[in-house]
Amino acid sequence: MHVDRFFRKWLFLLCSVLLLTLASGTSCATETRLLLVVGDSLSAGYGLPNGKGWVDLLRMRLEQLRAQQTLRVDYTVVNASISGETTSGGLSRLPQLLRLHQPAIVLIELGANDGLRGLSLDMAQANLAHMIETSQQAHARVVLIGTPLPENYGKPYIESFSAIFTRLSHTYHINLAPSLFSRLSVDADNFQADRLHPNVQAQPMLLEAVWPALQPLLQ
């Protein structure tokens, strides 16, 4: 009888420990979300060694913040950027990317190639608007990243181009990084030989241009 009572107490304690362990494991489970970057050569790392682009630096920063427990969520970064991509190309690829990855956040960095090729700014704005709407319909939050044009395109054209990003951010109430080059001086030391693509040492500055618009969405 004494042995049977001892066994019941022991079994009760064992079950209690197991239940507490399971509950603790459930509460501490790490949530994982996906962050999708849809951009052009500026985000694809054109002319850079592998792993040195600003998107790679973003991935490393998110990993560091999670390791420091500054972030409660693990973010997987998928870089779907393609060199030479236009807003039309991004728009055509986006639905499949959303179905495949189901991102929580979408960073859109497109438009520079439309501007450089002299494509219709109205069409570029319409394409970006459609990308934003499509992302939001897929329950993703959007960060729009403005892209610069060379000064030789003329002030009126450059201002009209830049206004697209501001207008869309206001219309759709999304976070805006006004220019990927906002932290970057036009000094030649920051650019590759083509004077269009930032070099390795400039990539941290590109990340800093995006970070203030992205950070509030991470928690």
N, C-alpha and C. Protein backbone atom coordinates (compact mmCIF):
# COMPACT_ATOMS: atom_id res chain seq x y z
N MET A 1 0.83 -1.20 0.00
CA MET A 1 0.00 0.00 0.00
C MET A 1 0.87 1.26 0.00
N HIS A 2 1.90 1.23 0.84
CA HIS A 2 2.81 2.36 0.92
C HIS A 2 3.54 2.55 -0.41
N VAL A 3 3.94 1.41 -1.03
CA VAL A 3 4.64 1.47 -2.31
C VAL A 3 3.73 2.03 -3.39
N ASP A 4 2.44 1.59 -3.35
CA ASP A 4 1.49 2.07 -4.36
C ASP A 4 1.27 3.57 -4.24
N ARG A 5 1.18 4.09 -3.02
CA ARG A 5 1.00 5.54 -2.81
C ARG A 5 2.23 6.30 -3.29
N PHE A 6 3.40 5.77 -3.00
CA PHE A 6 4.63 6.42 -3.46
C PHE A 6 4.69 6.46 -4.98
N PHE A 7 4.27 5.36 -5.63
CA PHE A 7 4.29 5.30 -7.09
C PHE A 7 3.35 6.33 -7.69
N ARG A 8 2.14 6.49 -7.08
CA ARG A 8 1.19 7.46 -7.60
C ARG A 8 1.74 8.88 -7.48
N LYS A 9 2.38 9.19 -6.38
CA LYS A 9 2.97 10.52 -6.19
C LYS A 9 4.09 10.76 -7.21
N TRP A 10 4.89 9.73 -7.39
CA TRP A 10 6.00 9.86 -8.35
C TRP A 10 5.47 10.07 -9.76
N LEU A 11 4.42 9.34 -10.13
CA LEU A 11 3.83 9.46 -11.46
C LEU A 11 3.21 10.84 -11.65
N PHE A 12 2.57 11.36 -10.58
CA PHE A 12 1.96 12.70 -10.65
C PHE A 12 3.03 13.77 -10.87
N LEU A 13 4.14 13.66 -10.13
CA LEU A 13 5.22 14.63 -10.30
C LEU A 13 5.83 14.56 -11.69
N LEU A 14 6.00 13.34 -12.20
CA LEU A 14 6.58 13.18 -13.53
C LEU A 14 5.68 13.80 -14.60
N CYS A 15 4.38 13.56 -14.49
CA CYS A 15 3.44 14.14 -15.46
C CYS A 15 3.43 15.66 -15.38
N SER A 16 3.53 16.19 -14.16
CA SER A 16 3.54 17.64 -13.98
C SER A 16 4.76 18.26 -14.65
N VAL A 17 5.92 17.62 -14.48
CA VAL A 17 7.14 18.12 -15.08
C VAL A 17 7.04 18.09 -16.60
N LEU A 18 6.49 17.01 -17.13
CA LEU A 18 6.35 16.89 -18.58
C LEU A 18 5.42 17.96 -19.14
N LEU A 19 4.31 18.20 -18.43
CA LEU A 19 3.36 19.21 -18.89
C LEU A 19 3.99 20.60 -18.86
N LEU A 20 4.73 20.91 -17.81
CA LEU A 20 5.40 22.20 -17.72
C LEU A 20 6.44 22.36 -18.81
N THR A 21 7.15 21.28 -19.11
CA THR A 21 8.16 21.34 -20.16
C THR A 21 7.53 21.59 -21.52
N LEU A 22 6.43 20.90 -21.78
CA LEU A 22 5.73 21.09 -23.05
C LEU A 22 5.17 22.49 -23.17
N ALA A 23 4.61 23.00 -22.08
CA ALA A 23 4.05 24.35 -22.10
C ALA A 23 5.14 25.38 -22.32
N SER A 24 6.29 25.17 -21.67
CA SER A 24 7.39 26.11 -21.84
C SER A 24 7.91 26.08 -23.26
N GLY A 25 8.02 24.89 -23.83
CA GLY A 25 8.50 24.78 -25.20
C GLY A 25 7.56 25.44 -26.17
N THR A 26 6.26 25.35 -25.93
CA THR A 26 5.28 25.97 -26.81
C THR A 26 5.37 27.47 -26.75
N SER A 27 5.51 28.01 -25.54
CA SER A 27 5.53 29.46 -25.38
C SER A 27 6.80 30.08 -25.92
N CYS A 28 7.88 29.26 -25.97
CA CYS A 28 9.15 29.80 -26.41
C CYS A 28 9.44 29.50 -27.88
N ALA A 29 8.48 28.84 -28.55
CA ALA A 29 8.68 28.50 -29.95
C ALA A 29 8.93 29.77 -30.75
N THR A 30 9.87 29.67 -31.66
CA THR A 30 10.25 30.83 -32.45
C THR A 30 9.33 30.96 -33.66
N GLU A 31 8.79 32.13 -33.84
CA GLU A 31 7.97 32.40 -35.01
C GLU A 31 8.87 32.79 -36.17
N THR A 32 8.59 32.25 -37.33
CA THR A 32 9.37 32.54 -38.52
C THR A 32 8.50 33.24 -39.56
N ARG A 33 9.00 34.33 -40.11
CA ARG A 33 8.30 35.04 -41.17
C ARG A 33 9.27 35.25 -42.33
N LEU A 34 8.70 35.54 -43.49
CA LEU A 34 9.52 35.72 -44.67
C LEU A 34 9.46 37.16 -45.16
N LEU A 35 10.60 37.67 -45.53
CA LEU A 35 10.74 39.01 -46.08
C LEU A 35 11.22 38.87 -47.52
N LEU A 36 10.44 39.42 -48.45
CA LEU A 36 10.71 39.28 -49.88
C LEU A 36 11.19 40.61 -50.44
N VAL A 37 12.32 40.59 -51.15
CA VAL A 37 12.85 41.78 -51.82
C VAL A 37 12.69 41.60 -53.32
N VAL A 38 11.97 42.53 -53.94
CA VAL A 38 11.78 42.50 -55.39
C VAL A 38 12.40 43.77 -55.95
N GLY A 39 13.54 43.62 -56.59
CA GLY A 39 14.26 44.80 -57.06
C GLY A 39 15.02 44.54 -58.34
N ASP A 40 15.91 45.47 -58.65
CA ASP A 40 16.73 45.39 -59.85
C ASP A 40 18.19 45.15 -59.46
N SER A 41 19.11 45.57 -60.31
CA SER A 41 20.53 45.30 -60.06
C SER A 41 21.04 45.92 -58.77
N LEU A 42 20.42 47.02 -58.34
CA LEU A 42 20.86 47.67 -57.11
C LEU A 42 20.63 46.79 -55.89
N SER A 43 19.65 45.90 -55.98
CA SER A 43 19.37 44.98 -54.89
C SER A 43 19.88 43.57 -55.19
N ALA A 44 20.13 43.27 -56.46
CA ALA A 44 20.61 41.94 -56.84
C ALA A 44 22.10 41.76 -56.58
N GLY A 45 22.80 42.86 -56.27
CA GLY A 45 24.23 42.77 -56.00
C GLY A 45 25.07 42.76 -57.26
N TYR A 46 24.63 43.47 -58.27
CA TYR A 46 25.37 43.53 -59.54
C TYR A 46 26.81 44.01 -59.32
N GLY A 47 27.76 43.26 -59.87
CA GLY A 47 29.16 43.63 -59.81
C GLY A 47 29.82 43.44 -58.46
N LEU A 48 29.12 42.81 -57.52
CA LEU A 48 29.66 42.63 -56.17
C LEU A 48 30.00 41.17 -55.91
N PRO A 49 30.94 40.91 -55.02
CA PRO A 49 31.18 39.52 -54.60
C PRO A 49 29.93 38.95 -53.94
N ASN A 50 29.77 37.65 -54.02
CA ASN A 50 28.61 37.00 -53.41
C ASN A 50 28.55 37.33 -51.91
N GLY A 51 27.33 37.65 -51.46
CA GLY A 51 27.11 37.90 -50.04
C GLY A 51 27.47 39.29 -49.57
N LYS A 52 27.76 40.22 -50.48
CA LYS A 52 28.21 41.56 -50.08
C LYS A 52 27.19 42.66 -50.38
N GLY A 53 26.06 42.34 -50.97
CA GLY A 53 25.07 43.35 -51.28
C GLY A 53 24.30 43.80 -50.05
N TRP A 54 23.54 44.89 -50.19
CA TRP A 54 22.82 45.42 -49.03
C TRP A 54 21.75 44.45 -48.54
N VAL A 55 21.19 43.65 -49.43
CA VAL A 55 20.20 42.66 -48.99
C VAL A 55 20.87 41.58 -48.14
N ASP A 56 22.07 41.20 -48.50
CA ASP A 56 22.83 40.25 -47.68
C ASP A 56 23.15 40.84 -46.32
N LEU A 57 23.47 42.12 -46.30
CA LEU A 57 23.73 42.79 -45.01
C LEU A 57 22.47 42.87 -44.18
N LEU A 58 21.33 43.05 -44.83
CA LEU A 58 20.06 43.05 -44.11
C LEU A 58 19.80 41.69 -43.48
N ARG A 59 20.05 40.64 -44.23
CA ARG A 59 19.86 39.29 -43.71
C ARG A 59 20.74 39.08 -42.46
N MET A 60 21.99 39.51 -42.54
CA MET A 60 22.89 39.34 -41.40
C MET A 60 22.44 40.17 -40.20
N ARG A 61 21.94 41.38 -40.44
CA ARG A 61 21.47 42.22 -39.34
C ARG A 61 20.29 41.58 -38.64
N LEU A 62 19.37 41.05 -39.39
CA LEU A 62 18.20 40.40 -38.79
C LEU A 62 18.61 39.18 -37.98
N GLU A 63 19.57 38.43 -38.47
CA GLU A 63 20.07 37.27 -37.73
C GLU A 63 20.74 37.70 -36.42
N GLN A 64 21.50 38.78 -36.47
CA GLN A 64 22.17 39.28 -35.27
C GLN A 64 21.15 39.78 -34.24
N LEU A 65 20.16 40.50 -34.70
CA LEU A 65 19.13 41.01 -33.78
C LEU A 65 18.36 39.88 -33.14
N ARG A 66 18.09 38.83 -33.89
CA ARG A 66 17.38 37.68 -33.33
C ARG A 66 18.27 36.98 -32.31
N ALA A 67 19.56 36.83 -32.60
CA ALA A 67 20.47 36.18 -31.67
C ALA A 67 20.59 36.98 -30.37
N GLN A 68 20.48 38.31 -30.49
CA GLN A 68 20.53 39.18 -29.31
C GLN A 68 19.18 39.30 -28.62
N GLN A 69 18.18 38.61 -29.15
CA GLN A 69 16.80 38.63 -28.65
C GLN A 69 16.18 40.02 -28.72
N THR A 70 16.72 40.86 -29.60
CA THR A 70 16.10 42.15 -29.87
C THR A 70 14.85 41.98 -30.71
N LEU A 71 14.86 40.94 -31.56
CA LEU A 71 13.68 40.57 -32.34
C LEU A 71 13.10 39.29 -31.79
N ARG A 72 11.77 39.22 -31.73
CA ARG A 72 11.11 38.01 -31.27
C ARG A 72 10.80 37.06 -32.43
N VAL A 73 11.07 37.50 -33.63
CA VAL A 73 10.70 36.75 -34.83
C VAL A 73 11.95 36.44 -35.64
N ASP A 74 12.01 35.23 -36.18
CA ASP A 74 13.05 34.88 -37.14
C ASP A 74 12.57 35.27 -38.53
N TYR A 75 13.38 36.06 -39.23
CA TYR A 75 13.03 36.46 -40.58
C TYR A 75 13.92 35.75 -41.59
N THR A 76 13.28 35.09 -42.54
CA THR A 76 13.98 34.53 -43.68
C THR A 76 13.90 35.54 -44.81
N VAL A 77 15.04 35.92 -45.37
CA VAL A 77 15.08 36.92 -46.43
C VAL A 77 15.25 36.21 -47.77
N VAL A 78 14.32 36.48 -48.68
CA VAL A 78 14.40 35.95 -50.05
C VAL A 78 14.63 37.13 -50.98
N ASN A 79 15.72 37.10 -51.70
CA ASN A 79 16.05 38.17 -52.63
C ASN A 79 15.67 37.74 -54.04
N ALA A 80 14.56 38.29 -54.53
CA ALA A 80 14.07 37.96 -55.87
C ALA A 80 14.40 39.06 -56.86
N SER A 81 15.45 39.79 -56.61
CA SER A 81 15.86 40.90 -57.48
C SER A 81 16.61 40.38 -58.70
N ILE A 82 16.42 41.07 -59.82
CA ILE A 82 17.05 40.68 -61.08
C ILE A 82 17.65 41.93 -61.73
N SER A 83 18.90 41.83 -62.14
CA SER A 83 19.53 42.95 -62.84
C SER A 83 18.76 43.27 -64.11
N GLY A 84 18.54 44.56 -64.35
CA GLY A 84 17.82 45.00 -65.53
C GLY A 84 16.31 45.00 -65.39
N GLU A 85 15.81 44.60 -64.24
CA GLU A 85 14.36 44.48 -64.06
C GLU A 85 13.67 45.84 -64.13
N THR A 86 12.51 45.86 -64.77
CA THR A 86 11.65 47.04 -64.82
C THR A 86 10.43 46.81 -63.95
N THR A 87 9.61 47.84 -63.80
CA THR A 87 8.38 47.67 -63.03
C THR A 87 7.45 46.67 -63.71
N SER A 88 7.44 46.63 -65.03
CA SER A 88 6.60 45.66 -65.74
C SER A 88 7.06 44.23 -65.45
N GLY A 89 8.38 44.02 -65.46
CA GLY A 89 8.90 42.70 -65.17
C GLY A 89 8.60 42.28 -63.73
N GLY A 90 8.77 43.21 -62.80
CA GLY A 90 8.48 42.91 -61.40
C GLY A 90 7.02 42.57 -61.20
N LEU A 91 6.15 43.32 -61.85
CA LEU A 91 4.72 43.08 -61.73
C LEU A 91 4.34 41.70 -62.27
N SER A 92 4.94 41.30 -63.38
CA SER A 92 4.61 40.01 -63.97
C SER A 92 5.09 38.84 -63.10
N ARG A 93 6.18 39.03 -62.37
CA ARG A 93 6.73 37.95 -61.53
C ARG A 93 6.10 37.88 -60.16
N LEU A 94 5.54 38.98 -59.70
CA LEU A 94 5.13 39.08 -58.30
C LEU A 94 4.08 38.06 -57.87
N PRO A 95 3.02 37.83 -58.62
CA PRO A 95 2.00 36.87 -58.14
C PRO A 95 2.57 35.50 -57.81
N GLN A 96 3.45 35.00 -58.66
CA GLN A 96 4.05 33.70 -58.40
C GLN A 96 4.95 33.75 -57.16
N LEU A 97 5.69 34.83 -57.01
CA LEU A 97 6.54 34.97 -55.82
C LEU A 97 5.72 34.99 -54.54
N LEU A 98 4.59 35.66 -54.58
CA LEU A 98 3.73 35.72 -53.40
C LEU A 98 3.14 34.35 -53.08
N ARG A 99 2.73 33.62 -54.11
CA ARG A 99 2.17 32.28 -53.87
C ARG A 99 3.24 31.34 -53.33
N LEU A 100 4.44 31.46 -53.86
CA LEU A 100 5.52 30.55 -53.47
C LEU A 100 6.02 30.82 -52.07
N HIS A 101 6.20 32.09 -51.72
CA HIS A 101 6.89 32.43 -50.47
C HIS A 101 5.95 32.91 -49.35
N GLN A 102 4.77 33.39 -49.71
CA GLN A 102 3.82 33.90 -48.71
C GLN A 102 4.51 34.86 -47.71
N PRO A 103 5.10 35.93 -48.21
CA PRO A 103 5.87 36.82 -47.33
C PRO A 103 5.00 37.63 -46.39
N ALA A 104 5.59 37.97 -45.25
CA ALA A 104 4.94 38.90 -44.33
C ALA A 104 5.23 40.34 -44.72
N ILE A 105 6.40 40.56 -45.32
CA ILE A 105 6.83 41.90 -45.74
C ILE A 105 7.40 41.81 -47.15
N VAL A 106 7.05 42.78 -47.98
CA VAL A 106 7.59 42.87 -49.34
C VAL A 106 8.28 44.21 -49.49
N LEU A 107 9.54 44.18 -49.87
CA LEU A 107 10.30 45.39 -50.20
C LEU A 107 10.34 45.52 -51.71
N ILE A 108 9.83 46.62 -52.23
CA ILE A 108 9.81 46.86 -53.67
C ILE A 108 10.82 47.95 -54.02
N GLU A 109 11.84 47.56 -54.77
CA GLU A 109 12.88 48.51 -55.20
C GLU A 109 12.97 48.42 -56.72
N LEU A 110 12.09 49.12 -57.39
CA LEU A 110 12.04 49.10 -58.85
C LEU A 110 11.70 50.49 -59.37
N GLY A 111 12.02 50.71 -60.64
CA GLY A 111 11.71 51.98 -61.28
C GLY A 111 12.90 52.61 -61.96
N ALA A 112 14.11 52.34 -61.45
CA ALA A 112 15.29 52.98 -62.02
C ALA A 112 15.46 52.64 -63.50
N ASN A 113 15.24 51.39 -63.86
CA ASN A 113 15.42 51.00 -65.26
C ASN A 113 14.33 51.59 -66.15
N ASP A 114 13.14 51.79 -65.62
CA ASP A 114 12.10 52.49 -66.38
C ASP A 114 12.59 53.90 -66.71
N GLY A 115 13.11 54.57 -65.68
CA GLY A 115 13.58 55.94 -65.87
C GLY A 115 14.75 56.03 -66.81
N LEU A 116 15.73 55.12 -66.64
CA LEU A 116 16.92 55.14 -67.49
C LEU A 116 16.59 54.88 -68.96
N ARG A 117 15.55 54.09 -69.19
CA ARG A 117 15.17 53.77 -70.57
C ARG A 117 14.15 54.76 -71.14
N GLY A 118 13.77 55.73 -70.35
CA GLY A 118 12.81 56.71 -70.82
C GLY A 118 11.41 56.15 -71.01
N LEU A 119 11.08 55.10 -70.27
CA LEU A 119 9.74 54.51 -70.36
C LEU A 119 8.72 55.43 -69.70
N SER A 120 7.47 55.21 -69.98
CA SER A 120 6.40 56.06 -69.47
C SER A 120 6.39 56.07 -67.94
N LEU A 121 6.47 57.26 -67.35
CA LEU A 121 6.41 57.37 -65.90
C LEU A 121 5.02 57.02 -65.38
N ASP A 122 4.00 57.33 -66.17
CA ASP A 122 2.64 56.95 -65.78
C ASP A 122 2.51 55.43 -65.70
N MET A 123 3.11 54.75 -66.65
CA MET A 123 3.07 53.29 -66.64
C MET A 123 3.86 52.73 -65.47
N ALA A 124 5.01 53.33 -65.18
CA ALA A 124 5.81 52.88 -64.04
C ALA A 124 5.01 53.03 -62.75
N GLN A 125 4.33 54.15 -62.60
CA GLN A 125 3.53 54.36 -61.40
C GLN A 125 2.39 53.35 -61.33
N ALA A 126 1.74 53.09 -62.46
CA ALA A 126 0.64 52.12 -62.47
C ALA A 126 1.14 50.72 -62.12
N ASN A 127 2.31 50.35 -62.63
CA ASN A 127 2.87 49.03 -62.32
C ASN A 127 3.20 48.90 -60.84
N LEU A 128 3.83 49.94 -60.28
CA LEU A 128 4.17 49.90 -58.86
C LEU A 128 2.90 49.87 -58.00
N ALA A 129 1.89 50.62 -58.39
CA ALA A 129 0.63 50.61 -57.66
C ALA A 129 0.01 49.22 -57.65
N HIS A 130 0.06 48.57 -58.81
CA HIS A 130 -0.49 47.21 -58.91
C HIS A 130 0.31 46.24 -58.04
N MET A 131 1.63 46.41 -57.99
CA MET A 131 2.45 45.55 -57.14
C MET A 131 2.11 45.74 -55.66
N ILE A 132 1.90 46.99 -55.27
CA ILE A 132 1.54 47.26 -53.88
C ILE A 132 0.20 46.64 -53.55
N GLU A 133 -0.78 46.85 -54.42
CA GLU A 133 -2.11 46.30 -54.19
C GLU A 133 -2.08 44.77 -54.12
N THR A 134 -1.34 44.16 -55.03
CA THR A 134 -1.25 42.70 -55.06
C THR A 134 -0.61 42.16 -53.78
N SER A 135 0.42 42.84 -53.31
CA SER A 135 1.09 42.43 -52.07
C SER A 135 0.16 42.57 -50.88
N GLN A 136 -0.56 43.67 -50.81
CA GLN A 136 -1.48 43.90 -49.70
C GLN A 136 -2.63 42.89 -49.72
N GLN A 137 -3.09 42.55 -50.90
CA GLN A 137 -4.15 41.55 -51.00
C GLN A 137 -3.67 40.18 -50.53
N ALA A 138 -2.35 39.96 -50.60
CA ALA A 138 -1.76 38.72 -50.10
C ALA A 138 -1.39 38.84 -48.62
N HIS A 139 -1.87 39.91 -47.97
CA HIS A 139 -1.68 40.14 -46.53
C HIS A 139 -0.21 40.41 -46.17
N ALA A 140 0.53 40.98 -47.11
CA ALA A 140 1.91 41.38 -46.83
C ALA A 140 1.96 42.89 -46.63
N ARG A 141 2.81 43.32 -45.71
CA ARG A 141 3.08 44.74 -45.55
C ARG A 141 4.19 45.14 -46.52
N VAL A 142 4.10 46.36 -47.01
CA VAL A 142 4.97 46.78 -48.11
C VAL A 142 5.85 47.94 -47.69
N VAL A 143 7.11 47.86 -48.10
CA VAL A 143 8.03 49.00 -48.02
C VAL A 143 8.41 49.35 -49.46
N LEU A 144 8.19 50.59 -49.82
CA LEU A 144 8.56 51.06 -51.15
C LEU A 144 9.88 51.80 -51.07
N ILE A 145 10.80 51.46 -51.96
CA ILE A 145 12.14 52.05 -51.95
C ILE A 145 12.32 52.87 -53.21
N GLY A 146 12.51 54.16 -53.04
CA GLY A 146 12.77 55.03 -54.17
C GLY A 146 14.16 54.81 -54.73
N THR A 147 14.29 55.01 -56.03
CA THR A 147 15.57 54.84 -56.68
C THR A 147 15.95 56.12 -57.43
N PRO A 148 17.23 56.45 -57.47
CA PRO A 148 17.67 57.71 -58.07
C PRO A 148 17.92 57.59 -59.56
N LEU A 149 17.94 58.72 -60.22
CA LEU A 149 18.35 58.80 -61.62
C LEU A 149 19.55 59.73 -61.73
N PRO A 150 20.41 59.53 -62.71
CA PRO A 150 21.57 60.42 -62.89
C PRO A 150 21.13 61.86 -63.16
N GLU A 151 21.95 62.78 -62.74
CA GLU A 151 21.62 64.20 -62.87
C GLU A 151 21.44 64.65 -64.31
N ASN A 152 22.07 63.96 -65.25
CA ASN A 152 21.96 64.40 -66.65
C ASN A 152 20.58 64.15 -67.27
N TYR A 153 19.68 63.54 -66.51
CA TYR A 153 18.32 63.36 -67.01
C TYR A 153 17.48 64.63 -66.84
N GLY A 154 18.02 65.60 -66.15
CA GLY A 154 17.34 66.88 -66.01
C GLY A 154 16.45 66.94 -64.80
N LYS A 155 16.43 68.11 -64.16
CA LYS A 155 15.70 68.28 -62.91
C LYS A 155 14.20 68.00 -63.04
N PRO A 156 13.50 68.51 -64.06
CA PRO A 156 12.05 68.25 -64.15
C PRO A 156 11.72 66.75 -64.22
N TYR A 157 12.48 66.01 -65.04
CA TYR A 157 12.22 64.57 -65.18
C TYR A 157 12.53 63.84 -63.88
N ILE A 158 13.63 64.19 -63.26
CA ILE A 158 14.03 63.53 -62.00
C ILE A 158 12.99 63.81 -60.92
N GLU A 159 12.51 65.04 -60.83
CA GLU A 159 11.51 65.37 -59.82
C GLU A 159 10.19 64.64 -60.08
N SER A 160 9.80 64.54 -61.33
CA SER A 160 8.58 63.79 -61.67
C SER A 160 8.73 62.32 -61.31
N PHE A 161 9.91 61.79 -61.56
CA PHE A 161 10.17 60.39 -61.24
C PHE A 161 10.13 60.17 -59.72
N SER A 162 10.80 61.02 -58.97
CA SER A 162 10.84 60.87 -57.51
C SER A 162 9.45 61.01 -56.90
N ALA A 163 8.63 61.87 -57.49
CA ALA A 163 7.29 62.11 -56.95
C ALA A 163 6.42 60.86 -57.01
N ILE A 164 6.73 59.95 -57.90
CA ILE A 164 5.96 58.71 -58.00
C ILE A 164 5.96 57.97 -56.67
N PHE A 165 7.13 57.85 -56.06
CA PHE A 165 7.28 57.06 -54.84
C PHE A 165 6.57 57.73 -53.66
N THR A 166 6.70 59.04 -53.56
CA THR A 166 6.01 59.77 -52.49
C THR A 166 4.49 59.64 -52.65
N ARG A 167 4.02 59.80 -53.88
CA ARG A 167 2.59 59.72 -54.14
C ARG A 167 2.03 58.34 -53.79
N LEU A 168 2.73 57.30 -54.18
CA LEU A 168 2.26 55.95 -53.90
C LEU A 168 2.27 55.64 -52.40
N SER A 169 3.29 56.11 -51.71
CA SER A 169 3.34 55.85 -50.26
C SER A 169 2.18 56.50 -49.54
N HIS A 170 1.78 57.68 -49.98
CA HIS A 170 0.65 58.36 -49.37
C HIS A 170 -0.67 57.69 -49.74
N THR A 171 -0.79 57.30 -50.98
CA THR A 171 -2.04 56.69 -51.45
C THR A 171 -2.32 55.37 -50.75
N TYR A 172 -1.28 54.55 -50.57
CA TYR A 172 -1.48 53.21 -50.01
C TYR A 172 -1.05 53.11 -48.55
N HIS A 173 -0.65 54.23 -47.96
CA HIS A 173 -0.30 54.26 -46.53
C HIS A 173 0.77 53.22 -46.21
N ILE A 174 1.84 53.25 -46.97
CA ILE A 174 2.94 52.31 -46.76
C ILE A 174 4.20 53.09 -46.41
N ASN A 175 5.14 52.37 -45.81
CA ASN A 175 6.41 52.99 -45.45
C ASN A 175 7.27 53.20 -46.69
N LEU A 176 7.96 54.34 -46.70
CA LEU A 176 8.77 54.72 -47.85
C LEU A 176 10.20 55.01 -47.44
N ALA A 177 11.14 54.39 -48.17
CA ALA A 177 12.54 54.82 -48.14
C ALA A 177 12.71 55.71 -49.36
N PRO A 178 12.73 57.03 -49.21
CA PRO A 178 12.64 57.93 -50.37
C PRO A 178 13.69 57.70 -51.44
N SER A 179 14.91 57.33 -51.04
CA SER A 179 15.95 57.06 -52.03
C SER A 179 16.95 56.06 -51.47
N LEU A 180 17.23 55.06 -52.26
CA LEU A 180 18.22 54.06 -51.84
C LEU A 180 19.60 54.68 -51.66
N PHE A 181 19.80 55.85 -52.29
CA PHE A 181 21.10 56.53 -52.20
C PHE A 181 21.09 57.70 -51.22
N SER A 182 20.10 57.78 -50.36
CA SER A 182 19.97 58.95 -49.49
C SER A 182 21.13 59.12 -48.52
N ARG A 183 21.81 58.04 -48.16
CA ARG A 183 22.96 58.11 -47.24
C ARG A 183 24.29 58.09 -47.99
N LEU A 184 24.21 58.14 -49.32
CA LEU A 184 25.38 57.92 -50.14
C LEU A 184 25.78 59.21 -50.86
N SER A 185 27.02 59.59 -50.72
CA SER A 185 27.52 60.75 -51.47
C SER A 185 27.77 60.33 -52.92
N VAL A 186 27.79 61.30 -53.81
CA VAL A 186 28.01 61.00 -55.22
C VAL A 186 29.49 60.86 -55.55
N ASP A 187 30.30 60.79 -54.52
CA ASP A 187 31.74 60.63 -54.72
C ASP A 187 32.03 59.34 -55.49
N ALA A 188 32.94 59.42 -56.43
CA ALA A 188 33.25 58.27 -57.29
C ALA A 188 33.77 57.07 -56.49
N ASP A 189 34.33 57.32 -55.31
CA ASP A 189 34.87 56.23 -54.51
C ASP A 189 33.79 55.26 -54.04
N ASN A 190 32.53 55.68 -54.09
CA ASN A 190 31.43 54.83 -53.63
C ASN A 190 30.80 54.01 -54.75
N PHE A 191 31.30 54.18 -55.98
CA PHE A 191 30.66 53.55 -57.12
C PHE A 191 31.62 52.66 -57.90
N GLN A 192 31.03 51.72 -58.61
CA GLN A 192 31.78 50.91 -59.54
C GLN A 192 32.14 51.76 -60.76
N ALA A 193 32.86 51.18 -61.69
CA ALA A 193 33.37 51.94 -62.83
C ALA A 193 32.27 52.55 -63.68
N ASP A 194 31.06 51.96 -63.67
CA ASP A 194 29.98 52.50 -64.49
C ASP A 194 29.33 53.74 -63.89
N ARG A 195 29.69 54.06 -62.65
CA ARG A 195 29.16 55.23 -61.94
C ARG A 195 27.65 55.14 -61.68
N LEU A 196 27.08 53.97 -61.87
CA LEU A 196 25.65 53.75 -61.61
C LEU A 196 25.42 52.82 -60.41
N HIS A 197 26.31 51.87 -60.23
CA HIS A 197 26.11 50.85 -59.20
C HIS A 197 27.08 51.06 -58.03
N PRO A 198 26.57 51.20 -56.83
CA PRO A 198 27.44 51.35 -55.66
C PRO A 198 28.35 50.14 -55.48
N ASN A 199 29.54 50.39 -54.96
CA ASN A 199 30.49 49.31 -54.74
C ASN A 199 30.30 48.68 -53.37
N VAL A 200 31.22 47.79 -53.02
CA VAL A 200 31.09 47.04 -51.76
C VAL A 200 31.05 47.97 -50.55
N GLN A 201 31.93 48.96 -50.52
CA GLN A 201 32.01 49.81 -49.33
C GLN A 201 30.76 50.68 -49.17
N ALA A 202 29.99 50.84 -50.23
CA ALA A 202 28.78 51.66 -50.15
C ALA A 202 27.55 50.88 -49.70
N GLN A 203 27.62 49.56 -49.70
CA GLN A 203 26.43 48.75 -49.41
C GLN A 203 25.85 48.98 -48.01
N PRO A 204 26.67 49.16 -46.97
CA PRO A 204 26.08 49.47 -45.67
C PRO A 204 25.24 50.75 -45.67
N MET A 205 25.63 51.72 -46.50
CA MET A 205 24.87 52.96 -46.58
C MET A 205 23.52 52.76 -47.27
N LEU A 206 23.47 51.82 -48.20
CA LEU A 206 22.19 51.48 -48.83
C LEU A 206 21.26 50.85 -47.79
N LEU A 207 21.80 49.96 -46.99
CA LEU A 207 20.99 49.35 -45.94
C LEU A 207 20.46 50.40 -44.97
N GLU A 208 21.30 51.35 -44.59
CA GLU A 208 20.86 52.39 -43.66
C GLU A 208 19.78 53.27 -44.26
N ALA A 209 19.75 53.40 -45.59
CA ALA A 209 18.70 54.17 -46.24
C ALA A 209 17.36 53.46 -46.15
N VAL A 210 17.38 52.14 -46.13
CA VAL A 210 16.15 51.34 -46.10
C VAL A 210 15.68 51.08 -44.67
N TRP A 211 16.60 50.95 -43.75
CA TRP A 211 16.31 50.46 -42.41
C TRP A 211 15.21 51.27 -41.68
N PRO A 212 15.21 52.60 -41.69
CA PRO A 212 14.17 53.33 -40.95
C PRO A 212 12.76 53.03 -41.43
N ALA A 213 12.60 52.72 -42.70
CA ALA A 213 11.27 52.39 -43.23
C ALA A 213 10.88 50.95 -42.90
N LEU A 214 11.86 50.07 -42.80
CA LEU A 214 11.59 48.66 -42.54
C LEU A 214 11.44 48.34 -41.06
N GLN A 215 12.28 48.91 -40.24
CA GLN A 215 12.35 48.53 -38.83
C GLN A 215 11.00 48.52 -38.10
N PRO A 216 10.13 49.54 -38.30
CA PRO A 216 8.85 49.51 -37.56
C PRO A 216 7.95 48.34 -37.89
N LEU A 217 8.20 47.66 -39.00
CA LEU A 217 7.34 46.55 -39.41
C LEU A 217 7.82 45.20 -38.89
N LEU A 218 8.97 45.16 -38.23
CA LEU A 218 9.59 43.91 -37.90
C LEU A 218 9.02 43.23 -36.67
N GLN A 219 8.32 43.96 -35.83
CA GLN A 219 7.75 43.34 -34.62
C GLN A 219 6.27 43.10 -34.78
